[in-house]
N, C-alpha and C. Protein backbone atom coordinates (compact mmCIF):
# COMPACT_ATOMS: atom_id res chain seq x y z
N MET A 1 14.76 -4.98 12.70
CA MET A 1 13.86 -3.99 13.25
C MET A 1 14.66 -2.73 13.55
N HIS A 2 14.07 -1.60 13.22
CA HIS A 2 14.69 -0.30 13.51
C HIS A 2 13.85 0.44 14.54
N VAL A 3 14.46 0.84 15.63
CA VAL A 3 13.80 1.67 16.63
C VAL A 3 14.48 3.04 16.57
N PRO A 4 13.72 4.10 16.28
CA PRO A 4 14.32 5.43 16.16
C PRO A 4 15.03 5.86 17.45
N ALA A 5 16.07 6.65 17.30
CA ALA A 5 16.85 7.13 18.45
C ALA A 5 15.99 7.93 19.41
N ASN A 6 14.96 8.59 18.90
CA ASN A 6 14.12 9.43 19.77
C ASN A 6 12.91 8.66 20.34
N TYR A 7 12.92 7.34 20.26
CA TYR A 7 11.84 6.53 20.82
C TYR A 7 11.71 6.81 22.31
N ASP A 8 10.49 7.06 22.76
CA ASP A 8 10.18 7.35 24.16
C ASP A 8 9.39 6.17 24.74
N THR A 9 9.94 5.49 25.71
CA THR A 9 9.30 4.30 26.27
C THR A 9 7.99 4.60 26.99
N THR A 10 7.68 5.88 27.20
CA THR A 10 6.44 6.24 27.90
C THR A 10 5.33 6.67 26.95
N ARG A 11 5.63 6.79 25.66
CA ARG A 11 4.62 7.25 24.69
C ARG A 11 4.39 6.17 23.64
N PRO A 12 3.14 5.77 23.44
CA PRO A 12 2.85 4.77 22.40
C PRO A 12 3.34 5.25 21.03
N ALA A 13 4.06 4.40 20.36
CA ALA A 13 4.68 4.74 19.07
C ALA A 13 4.03 3.95 17.93
N PRO A 14 4.07 4.53 16.72
CA PRO A 14 3.56 3.78 15.56
C PRO A 14 4.55 2.68 15.16
N VAL A 15 4.06 1.72 14.40
CA VAL A 15 4.88 0.67 13.83
C VAL A 15 4.63 0.68 12.32
N VAL A 16 5.71 0.62 11.54
CA VAL A 16 5.60 0.53 10.08
C VAL A 16 6.21 -0.80 9.65
N LEU A 17 5.39 -1.63 9.03
CA LEU A 17 5.84 -2.91 8.48
C LEU A 17 6.18 -2.66 7.02
N ASN A 18 7.42 -2.93 6.62
CA ASN A 18 7.88 -2.64 5.26
C ASN A 18 8.32 -3.95 4.61
N PHE A 19 7.66 -4.32 3.51
CA PHE A 19 7.91 -5.59 2.84
C PHE A 19 8.66 -5.38 1.52
N HIS A 20 9.67 -6.22 1.29
CA HIS A 20 10.41 -6.15 0.03
C HIS A 20 9.68 -6.95 -1.05
N GLY A 21 10.12 -6.79 -2.27
CA GLY A 21 9.42 -7.41 -3.39
C GLY A 21 10.00 -8.73 -3.85
N PHE A 22 9.32 -9.33 -4.80
CA PHE A 22 9.62 -10.53 -5.56
C PHE A 22 9.70 -11.80 -4.74
N GLY A 23 9.01 -12.79 -5.24
CA GLY A 23 9.01 -14.12 -4.65
C GLY A 23 7.78 -14.35 -3.80
N GLY A 24 7.43 -15.59 -3.63
CA GLY A 24 6.32 -15.93 -2.75
C GLY A 24 5.14 -16.53 -3.48
N ASN A 25 4.20 -17.06 -2.70
CA ASN A 25 2.98 -17.65 -3.23
C ASN A 25 1.91 -17.57 -2.14
N ARG A 26 0.70 -18.07 -2.41
CA ARG A 26 -0.40 -17.96 -1.45
C ARG A 26 -0.07 -18.67 -0.13
N LYS A 27 0.54 -19.87 -0.19
CA LYS A 27 0.89 -20.58 1.04
C LYS A 27 1.86 -19.74 1.87
N LEU A 28 2.87 -19.21 1.19
CA LEU A 28 3.85 -18.37 1.88
C LEU A 28 3.18 -17.11 2.42
N GLN A 29 2.24 -16.52 1.67
CA GLN A 29 1.53 -15.34 2.14
C GLN A 29 0.78 -15.65 3.44
N ASN A 30 0.11 -16.80 3.49
CA ASN A 30 -0.62 -17.17 4.70
C ASN A 30 0.33 -17.35 5.87
N GLU A 31 1.49 -17.97 5.60
CA GLU A 31 2.50 -18.12 6.65
C GLU A 31 3.01 -16.76 7.08
N ILE A 32 3.23 -15.87 6.12
CA ILE A 32 3.70 -14.53 6.44
C ILE A 32 2.64 -13.77 7.23
N GLY A 33 1.37 -13.97 6.89
CA GLY A 33 0.29 -13.33 7.63
C GLY A 33 0.33 -13.71 9.10
N ALA A 34 0.53 -15.00 9.38
CA ALA A 34 0.65 -15.46 10.77
C ALA A 34 1.92 -14.91 11.40
N PHE A 35 3.00 -14.90 10.61
CA PHE A 35 4.28 -14.37 11.10
C PHE A 35 4.14 -12.89 11.47
N VAL A 36 3.46 -12.11 10.63
CA VAL A 36 3.27 -10.69 10.91
C VAL A 36 2.49 -10.50 12.21
N ARG A 37 1.46 -11.29 12.40
CA ARG A 37 0.70 -11.21 13.67
C ARG A 37 1.63 -11.49 14.86
N ASP A 38 2.51 -12.49 14.72
CA ASP A 38 3.45 -12.81 15.79
C ASP A 38 4.45 -11.68 16.01
N VAL A 39 4.94 -11.09 14.93
CA VAL A 39 5.90 -9.98 15.04
C VAL A 39 5.25 -8.79 15.75
N VAL A 40 4.05 -8.44 15.34
CA VAL A 40 3.35 -7.31 15.96
C VAL A 40 3.11 -7.59 17.44
N ALA A 41 2.72 -8.80 17.79
CA ALA A 41 2.50 -9.17 19.19
C ALA A 41 3.80 -9.08 19.98
N SER A 42 4.90 -9.55 19.39
CA SER A 42 6.19 -9.52 20.06
C SER A 42 6.69 -8.09 20.26
N VAL A 43 6.62 -7.29 19.21
CA VAL A 43 7.06 -5.89 19.30
C VAL A 43 6.20 -5.15 20.31
N SER A 44 4.90 -5.41 20.29
CA SER A 44 3.98 -4.75 21.23
C SER A 44 4.28 -5.15 22.68
N ALA A 45 4.76 -6.37 22.88
CA ALA A 45 5.10 -6.82 24.24
C ALA A 45 6.40 -6.18 24.73
N ASP A 46 7.33 -5.91 23.78
CA ASP A 46 8.64 -5.37 24.15
C ASP A 46 8.72 -3.85 24.15
N LEU A 47 7.89 -3.21 23.33
CA LEU A 47 7.94 -1.76 23.18
C LEU A 47 6.57 -1.15 23.44
N CYS A 48 6.54 0.14 23.64
CA CYS A 48 5.28 0.86 23.84
C CYS A 48 4.71 1.20 22.47
N VAL A 49 3.79 0.38 21.98
CA VAL A 49 3.24 0.48 20.63
C VAL A 49 1.80 1.00 20.69
N ASP A 50 1.48 1.90 19.78
CA ASP A 50 0.10 2.36 19.62
C ASP A 50 -0.59 1.41 18.65
N PRO A 51 -1.48 0.54 19.12
CA PRO A 51 -2.10 -0.45 18.24
C PRO A 51 -2.98 0.17 17.15
N LYS A 52 -3.32 1.44 17.27
CA LYS A 52 -4.13 2.11 16.24
C LYS A 52 -3.25 2.77 15.18
N ARG A 53 -1.91 2.64 15.32
CA ARG A 53 -1.00 3.22 14.34
C ARG A 53 0.01 2.19 13.87
N ILE A 54 -0.50 1.04 13.42
CA ILE A 54 0.34 0.02 12.80
C ILE A 54 0.03 0.05 11.31
N PHE A 55 1.05 0.33 10.52
CA PHE A 55 0.89 0.56 9.09
C PHE A 55 1.71 -0.45 8.29
N ALA A 56 1.26 -0.74 7.07
CA ALA A 56 1.99 -1.66 6.19
C ALA A 56 2.31 -0.97 4.88
N THR A 57 3.52 -1.18 4.40
CA THR A 57 3.95 -0.65 3.11
C THR A 57 4.90 -1.65 2.48
N GLY A 58 5.23 -1.43 1.24
CA GLY A 58 6.17 -2.28 0.53
C GLY A 58 6.24 -1.86 -0.91
N LYS A 59 7.31 -2.28 -1.58
CA LYS A 59 7.51 -1.93 -2.98
C LYS A 59 7.39 -3.17 -3.85
N SER A 60 6.73 -3.00 -5.01
CA SER A 60 6.53 -4.07 -5.97
C SER A 60 5.72 -5.19 -5.31
N GLN A 61 6.22 -6.42 -5.29
CA GLN A 61 5.43 -7.47 -4.65
C GLN A 61 5.30 -7.25 -3.14
N GLY A 62 6.19 -6.46 -2.56
CA GLY A 62 6.02 -6.03 -1.18
C GLY A 62 4.81 -5.12 -1.03
N GLY A 63 4.52 -4.34 -2.08
CA GLY A 63 3.30 -3.52 -2.11
C GLY A 63 2.06 -4.40 -2.17
N PHE A 64 2.13 -5.45 -2.98
CA PHE A 64 1.02 -6.42 -3.02
C PHE A 64 0.82 -7.03 -1.63
N MET A 65 1.93 -7.37 -0.97
CA MET A 65 1.85 -7.99 0.36
C MET A 65 1.23 -7.02 1.37
N SER A 66 1.65 -5.76 1.34
CA SER A 66 1.12 -4.80 2.31
C SER A 66 -0.38 -4.60 2.12
N SER A 67 -0.82 -4.55 0.86
CA SER A 67 -2.26 -4.36 0.62
C SER A 67 -3.03 -5.64 0.93
N TRP A 68 -2.42 -6.80 0.73
CA TRP A 68 -3.05 -8.06 1.11
C TRP A 68 -3.25 -8.09 2.63
N LEU A 69 -2.25 -7.63 3.39
CA LEU A 69 -2.40 -7.58 4.85
C LEU A 69 -3.52 -6.62 5.24
N GLY A 70 -3.64 -5.50 4.54
CA GLY A 70 -4.74 -4.59 4.81
C GLY A 70 -6.08 -5.26 4.64
N CYS A 71 -6.14 -6.20 3.72
CA CYS A 71 -7.38 -6.93 3.46
C CYS A 71 -7.65 -7.99 4.52
N VAL A 72 -6.64 -8.80 4.84
CA VAL A 72 -6.87 -9.95 5.72
C VAL A 72 -6.58 -9.68 7.19
N ALA A 73 -5.96 -8.56 7.50
CA ALA A 73 -5.62 -8.26 8.90
C ALA A 73 -6.00 -6.84 9.29
N PRO A 74 -7.24 -6.41 9.01
CA PRO A 74 -7.62 -5.03 9.35
C PRO A 74 -7.67 -4.81 10.86
N ASP A 75 -7.67 -5.89 11.63
CA ASP A 75 -7.63 -5.76 13.09
C ASP A 75 -6.24 -5.36 13.57
N ILE A 76 -5.23 -5.53 12.71
CA ILE A 76 -3.86 -5.17 13.05
C ILE A 76 -3.42 -3.93 12.28
N VAL A 77 -3.66 -3.91 10.98
CA VAL A 77 -3.15 -2.85 10.11
C VAL A 77 -4.14 -1.69 10.04
N ALA A 78 -3.70 -0.51 10.48
CA ALA A 78 -4.57 0.68 10.49
C ALA A 78 -4.70 1.31 9.11
N ALA A 79 -3.66 1.21 8.29
CA ALA A 79 -3.66 1.80 6.95
C ALA A 79 -2.54 1.15 6.15
N ILE A 80 -2.65 1.27 4.82
CA ILE A 80 -1.63 0.70 3.94
C ILE A 80 -1.16 1.75 2.94
N ALA A 81 0.09 1.58 2.50
CA ALA A 81 0.67 2.50 1.51
C ALA A 81 1.55 1.69 0.55
N PRO A 82 0.93 0.92 -0.35
CA PRO A 82 1.73 0.13 -1.29
C PRO A 82 2.41 1.01 -2.34
N LEU A 83 3.60 0.60 -2.74
CA LEU A 83 4.39 1.30 -3.74
C LEU A 83 4.62 0.38 -4.93
N ALA A 84 4.15 0.77 -6.10
CA ALA A 84 4.39 0.03 -7.34
C ALA A 84 3.89 -1.41 -7.30
N GLY A 85 2.67 -1.60 -6.80
CA GLY A 85 2.05 -2.91 -6.77
C GLY A 85 0.99 -2.96 -5.68
N MET A 86 -0.20 -3.44 -6.05
CA MET A 86 -1.28 -3.45 -5.07
C MET A 86 -2.23 -4.61 -5.35
N TYR A 87 -2.56 -5.34 -4.31
CA TYR A 87 -3.47 -6.48 -4.34
C TYR A 87 -4.87 -6.02 -4.72
N GLU A 88 -5.53 -6.78 -5.58
CA GLU A 88 -6.93 -6.48 -5.89
C GLU A 88 -7.78 -6.99 -4.73
N PRO A 89 -8.58 -6.12 -4.12
CA PRO A 89 -9.33 -6.55 -2.95
C PRO A 89 -10.45 -7.54 -3.31
N ALA A 90 -10.62 -8.53 -2.47
CA ALA A 90 -11.73 -9.47 -2.62
C ALA A 90 -12.96 -8.88 -1.93
N GLN A 91 -14.13 -9.42 -2.22
CA GLN A 91 -15.36 -8.94 -1.59
C GLN A 91 -15.29 -9.10 -0.07
N SER A 92 -14.50 -10.06 0.40
CA SER A 92 -14.41 -10.31 1.84
C SER A 92 -13.48 -9.33 2.56
N CYS A 93 -12.77 -8.48 1.81
CA CYS A 93 -11.86 -7.51 2.43
C CYS A 93 -12.65 -6.44 3.19
N ALA A 94 -12.08 -6.01 4.29
CA ALA A 94 -12.68 -4.92 5.07
C ALA A 94 -12.14 -3.59 4.54
N PRO A 95 -12.88 -2.51 4.70
CA PRO A 95 -12.36 -1.20 4.31
C PRO A 95 -11.09 -0.87 5.09
N VAL A 96 -10.16 -0.22 4.43
CA VAL A 96 -8.90 0.19 5.07
C VAL A 96 -8.40 1.46 4.38
N PRO A 97 -7.94 2.44 5.14
CA PRO A 97 -7.34 3.63 4.52
C PRO A 97 -6.13 3.22 3.67
N ILE A 98 -5.99 3.86 2.52
CA ILE A 98 -4.92 3.47 1.59
C ILE A 98 -4.36 4.70 0.88
N MET A 99 -3.06 4.69 0.70
CA MET A 99 -2.39 5.67 -0.15
C MET A 99 -1.45 4.87 -1.04
N GLN A 100 -1.64 4.98 -2.33
CA GLN A 100 -0.87 4.18 -3.27
C GLN A 100 0.06 5.06 -4.08
N PHE A 101 1.27 4.56 -4.33
CA PHE A 101 2.26 5.24 -5.16
C PHE A 101 2.61 4.30 -6.31
N HIS A 102 2.62 4.84 -7.53
CA HIS A 102 2.97 4.00 -8.67
C HIS A 102 3.47 4.88 -9.81
N GLY A 103 4.63 4.54 -10.34
CA GLY A 103 5.20 5.29 -11.46
C GLY A 103 4.64 4.82 -12.79
N LYS A 104 4.35 5.76 -13.66
CA LYS A 104 3.82 5.39 -14.97
C LYS A 104 4.86 4.73 -15.86
N ALA A 105 6.13 4.88 -15.55
CA ALA A 105 7.20 4.28 -16.35
C ALA A 105 7.60 2.89 -15.84
N ASP A 106 6.89 2.37 -14.88
CA ASP A 106 7.20 1.06 -14.29
C ASP A 106 6.95 -0.03 -15.33
N SER A 107 8.01 -0.75 -15.70
CA SER A 107 7.86 -1.82 -16.69
C SER A 107 7.69 -3.19 -16.02
N THR A 108 7.91 -3.28 -14.72
CA THR A 108 7.76 -4.55 -14.00
C THR A 108 6.31 -4.78 -13.59
N ILE A 109 5.70 -3.78 -12.97
CA ILE A 109 4.28 -3.80 -12.62
C ILE A 109 3.67 -2.63 -13.38
N PRO A 110 3.23 -2.85 -14.62
CA PRO A 110 2.79 -1.74 -15.49
C PRO A 110 1.64 -0.92 -14.88
N PHE A 111 1.82 0.38 -14.85
CA PHE A 111 0.81 1.29 -14.31
C PHE A 111 -0.55 1.07 -14.99
N ALA A 112 -0.54 0.91 -16.30
CA ALA A 112 -1.78 0.76 -17.06
C ALA A 112 -2.27 -0.69 -17.09
N GLY A 113 -1.51 -1.61 -16.51
CA GLY A 113 -1.91 -3.00 -16.49
C GLY A 113 -1.20 -3.82 -17.54
N GLY A 114 -1.33 -5.13 -17.43
CA GLY A 114 -0.70 -6.05 -18.34
C GLY A 114 -0.23 -7.28 -17.60
N HIS A 115 0.66 -8.04 -18.24
CA HIS A 115 1.16 -9.27 -17.63
C HIS A 115 2.25 -8.94 -16.61
N VAL A 116 2.13 -9.55 -15.43
CA VAL A 116 3.11 -9.37 -14.37
C VAL A 116 3.66 -10.74 -14.00
N LEU A 117 4.99 -10.85 -14.00
CA LEU A 117 5.68 -12.08 -13.67
C LEU A 117 5.16 -12.64 -12.34
N MET A 118 4.83 -13.89 -12.30
CA MET A 118 4.35 -14.63 -11.14
C MET A 118 2.94 -14.25 -10.70
N LEU A 119 2.36 -13.22 -11.25
CA LEU A 119 1.01 -12.83 -10.86
C LEU A 119 0.01 -13.03 -11.98
N GLY A 120 0.48 -13.00 -13.22
CA GLY A 120 -0.43 -13.09 -14.35
C GLY A 120 -0.95 -11.72 -14.73
N HIS A 121 -2.23 -11.65 -15.09
CA HIS A 121 -2.82 -10.39 -15.53
C HIS A 121 -3.01 -9.42 -14.36
N TYR A 122 -2.58 -8.19 -14.55
CA TYR A 122 -2.78 -7.11 -13.58
C TYR A 122 -3.56 -6.01 -14.28
N PRO A 123 -4.73 -5.60 -13.74
CA PRO A 123 -5.57 -4.64 -14.45
C PRO A 123 -5.05 -3.20 -14.46
N GLY A 124 -4.04 -2.90 -13.66
CA GLY A 124 -3.47 -1.56 -13.64
C GLY A 124 -3.77 -0.83 -12.35
N ALA A 125 -2.91 0.13 -12.03
CA ALA A 125 -3.01 0.86 -10.76
C ALA A 125 -4.34 1.59 -10.61
N GLY A 126 -4.78 2.27 -11.66
CA GLY A 126 -6.04 3.02 -11.58
C GLY A 126 -7.23 2.11 -11.36
N ALA A 127 -7.27 1.00 -12.08
CA ALA A 127 -8.39 0.06 -11.94
C ALA A 127 -8.42 -0.56 -10.55
N VAL A 128 -7.26 -0.91 -10.02
CA VAL A 128 -7.22 -1.51 -8.68
C VAL A 128 -7.59 -0.47 -7.62
N MET A 129 -7.14 0.78 -7.81
CA MET A 129 -7.54 1.83 -6.86
C MET A 129 -9.05 2.03 -6.88
N GLN A 130 -9.67 1.93 -8.05
CA GLN A 130 -11.13 2.06 -8.13
C GLN A 130 -11.80 0.91 -7.35
N GLU A 131 -11.23 -0.30 -7.42
CA GLU A 131 -11.78 -1.42 -6.66
C GLU A 131 -11.69 -1.14 -5.16
N TRP A 132 -10.54 -0.63 -4.70
CA TRP A 132 -10.39 -0.29 -3.29
C TRP A 132 -11.34 0.85 -2.91
N ALA A 133 -11.49 1.83 -3.78
CA ALA A 133 -12.42 2.94 -3.51
C ALA A 133 -13.83 2.40 -3.32
N HIS A 134 -14.24 1.51 -4.21
CA HIS A 134 -15.57 0.91 -4.10
C HIS A 134 -15.70 0.15 -2.79
N LEU A 135 -14.69 -0.65 -2.46
CA LEU A 135 -14.69 -1.40 -1.21
C LEU A 135 -14.81 -0.47 -0.01
N ASN A 136 -14.12 0.67 -0.07
CA ASN A 136 -14.14 1.64 1.03
C ASN A 136 -15.39 2.51 1.04
N GLY A 137 -16.31 2.27 0.11
CA GLY A 137 -17.56 3.02 0.08
C GLY A 137 -17.45 4.38 -0.56
N CYS A 138 -16.39 4.62 -1.31
CA CYS A 138 -16.22 5.91 -1.98
C CYS A 138 -17.04 5.92 -3.26
N THR A 139 -17.56 7.08 -3.60
CA THR A 139 -18.36 7.22 -4.82
C THR A 139 -17.82 8.38 -5.64
N GLY A 140 -18.20 8.42 -6.89
CA GLY A 140 -17.80 9.52 -7.77
C GLY A 140 -16.45 9.28 -8.41
N ALA A 141 -16.10 10.19 -9.29
CA ALA A 141 -14.84 10.10 -10.01
C ALA A 141 -13.71 10.74 -9.21
N PRO A 142 -12.48 10.29 -9.40
CA PRO A 142 -11.35 10.92 -8.70
C PRO A 142 -11.19 12.37 -9.12
N GLU A 143 -10.78 13.21 -8.20
CA GLU A 143 -10.41 14.58 -8.52
C GLU A 143 -8.91 14.58 -8.74
N THR A 144 -8.45 15.18 -9.82
CA THR A 144 -7.03 15.20 -10.11
C THR A 144 -6.55 16.64 -10.12
N ALA A 145 -5.48 16.90 -9.41
CA ALA A 145 -4.89 18.23 -9.35
C ALA A 145 -3.40 18.10 -9.51
N GLN A 146 -2.81 18.94 -10.35
CA GLN A 146 -1.37 18.93 -10.51
C GLN A 146 -0.76 19.61 -9.29
N VAL A 147 0.14 18.90 -8.60
CA VAL A 147 0.73 19.46 -7.39
C VAL A 147 2.19 19.85 -7.56
N THR A 148 2.85 19.36 -8.61
CA THR A 148 4.23 19.74 -8.88
C THR A 148 4.40 19.93 -10.38
N PRO A 149 4.52 21.17 -10.84
CA PRO A 149 4.72 21.39 -12.27
C PRO A 149 6.15 21.06 -12.68
N GLY A 150 6.35 20.86 -13.96
CA GLY A 150 7.70 20.63 -14.47
C GLY A 150 7.88 19.26 -15.06
N ARG A 151 9.13 18.87 -15.24
CA ARG A 151 9.47 17.63 -15.90
C ARG A 151 8.89 16.40 -15.21
N ALA A 152 8.94 16.34 -13.90
CA ALA A 152 8.41 15.21 -13.15
C ALA A 152 7.05 15.58 -12.59
N THR A 153 6.06 15.61 -13.46
CA THR A 153 4.72 16.01 -13.04
C THR A 153 4.12 14.95 -12.13
N ARG A 154 3.57 15.40 -11.02
CA ARG A 154 2.92 14.50 -10.08
C ARG A 154 1.46 14.89 -9.97
N TYR A 155 0.63 13.90 -9.78
CA TYR A 155 -0.80 14.13 -9.64
C TYR A 155 -1.30 13.48 -8.35
N LEU A 156 -2.26 14.11 -7.76
CA LEU A 156 -2.90 13.57 -6.57
C LEU A 156 -4.38 13.46 -6.88
N SER A 157 -4.91 12.27 -6.74
CA SER A 157 -6.33 12.06 -6.96
C SER A 157 -6.97 11.68 -5.65
N ARG A 158 -8.14 12.22 -5.38
CA ARG A 158 -8.86 11.89 -4.16
C ARG A 158 -10.24 11.38 -4.53
N LEU A 159 -10.63 10.33 -3.88
CA LEU A 159 -11.98 9.82 -4.01
C LEU A 159 -12.65 10.07 -2.66
N HIS A 160 -13.65 10.94 -2.63
CA HIS A 160 -14.27 11.35 -1.38
C HIS A 160 -15.49 10.51 -1.04
N GLY A 161 -15.80 10.45 0.22
CA GLY A 161 -16.98 9.75 0.69
C GLY A 161 -16.62 8.40 1.27
N GLY A 162 -17.59 7.77 1.86
CA GLY A 162 -17.37 6.42 2.37
C GLY A 162 -16.49 6.37 3.59
N TYR A 163 -15.75 5.30 3.70
CA TYR A 163 -14.98 4.99 4.90
C TYR A 163 -13.85 5.98 5.16
N HIS A 164 -13.01 6.22 4.18
CA HIS A 164 -11.90 7.16 4.29
C HIS A 164 -11.60 7.71 2.90
N PRO A 165 -11.06 8.93 2.83
CA PRO A 165 -10.59 9.39 1.53
C PRO A 165 -9.44 8.49 1.07
N ILE A 166 -9.32 8.32 -0.21
CA ILE A 166 -8.23 7.53 -0.78
C ILE A 166 -7.36 8.48 -1.59
N HIS A 167 -6.07 8.43 -1.35
CA HIS A 167 -5.14 9.29 -2.07
C HIS A 167 -4.31 8.43 -3.02
N HIS A 168 -4.12 8.92 -4.20
CA HIS A 168 -3.38 8.17 -5.22
C HIS A 168 -2.46 9.15 -5.93
N ARG A 169 -1.16 8.89 -5.89
CA ARG A 169 -0.18 9.77 -6.51
C ARG A 169 0.48 9.01 -7.64
N CYS A 170 0.64 9.66 -8.76
CA CYS A 170 1.32 9.02 -9.88
C CYS A 170 2.13 10.05 -10.63
N ARG A 171 2.99 9.57 -11.50
CA ARG A 171 3.85 10.46 -12.28
C ARG A 171 3.67 10.19 -13.76
N THR A 172 3.96 11.20 -14.52
CA THR A 172 4.03 10.99 -15.96
C THR A 172 5.35 10.29 -16.27
N HIS A 173 5.45 9.74 -17.44
CA HIS A 173 6.63 8.98 -17.85
C HIS A 173 7.87 9.87 -17.94
N MET A 174 8.96 9.36 -17.38
CA MET A 174 10.27 9.99 -17.55
C MET A 174 11.21 8.89 -18.01
N ALA A 175 11.93 9.12 -19.10
CA ALA A 175 12.82 8.11 -19.63
C ALA A 175 13.81 7.64 -18.58
N GLY A 176 13.89 6.33 -18.39
CA GLY A 176 14.83 5.73 -17.46
C GLY A 176 14.45 5.85 -15.99
N ASP A 177 13.31 6.44 -15.70
CA ASP A 177 12.92 6.64 -14.31
C ASP A 177 11.74 5.74 -13.98
N GLU A 178 11.99 4.72 -13.16
CA GLU A 178 10.93 3.79 -12.80
C GLU A 178 10.54 3.90 -11.34
N ASP A 179 11.18 4.77 -10.58
CA ASP A 179 10.88 4.90 -9.15
C ASP A 179 9.94 6.07 -8.93
N PRO A 180 8.69 5.83 -8.53
CA PRO A 180 7.72 6.91 -8.40
C PRO A 180 7.93 7.79 -7.18
N ARG A 181 8.91 7.48 -6.33
CA ARG A 181 9.12 8.30 -5.13
C ARG A 181 9.86 9.59 -5.45
N GLY A 182 10.63 9.61 -6.54
CA GLY A 182 11.54 10.71 -6.78
C GLY A 182 11.00 11.88 -7.40
């Protein structure tokens, strides 16, 4: 656990849960879900935590885990920001604010979809974002605007309406570059 040097014990602070990738299964996910609830309860007991600002993120399968928590623990997780991997929401999932990051050059979790090790078929980042948009009550097509011109073109798409706007950032392919943060 990292507590920032400027943490103020008198002001409720946000909590960011960050999950690493690769490994795991449904049984382990359920155990991790219970574990996360225990961690949040413990941290909240020891520190001044704002329960409305608990966020989940992760990269690759950690991204899948963070979005899965957004689905099964909306009473704890205020918003999710998966990176290079996102759980397909089930009908039983509650709406949750989401910002997804995914590189188009990702060969492990293909942006456009395909076979993913240990997960099987993945429909792709855009298709999964559309599922989340539908779940969140968003309608219409995404608006796409170029926000950074040049070699590493980045796009921001917004789906308006419903529960919350959904933001989706992606990059065009760059040889040898699989990290969408850069």
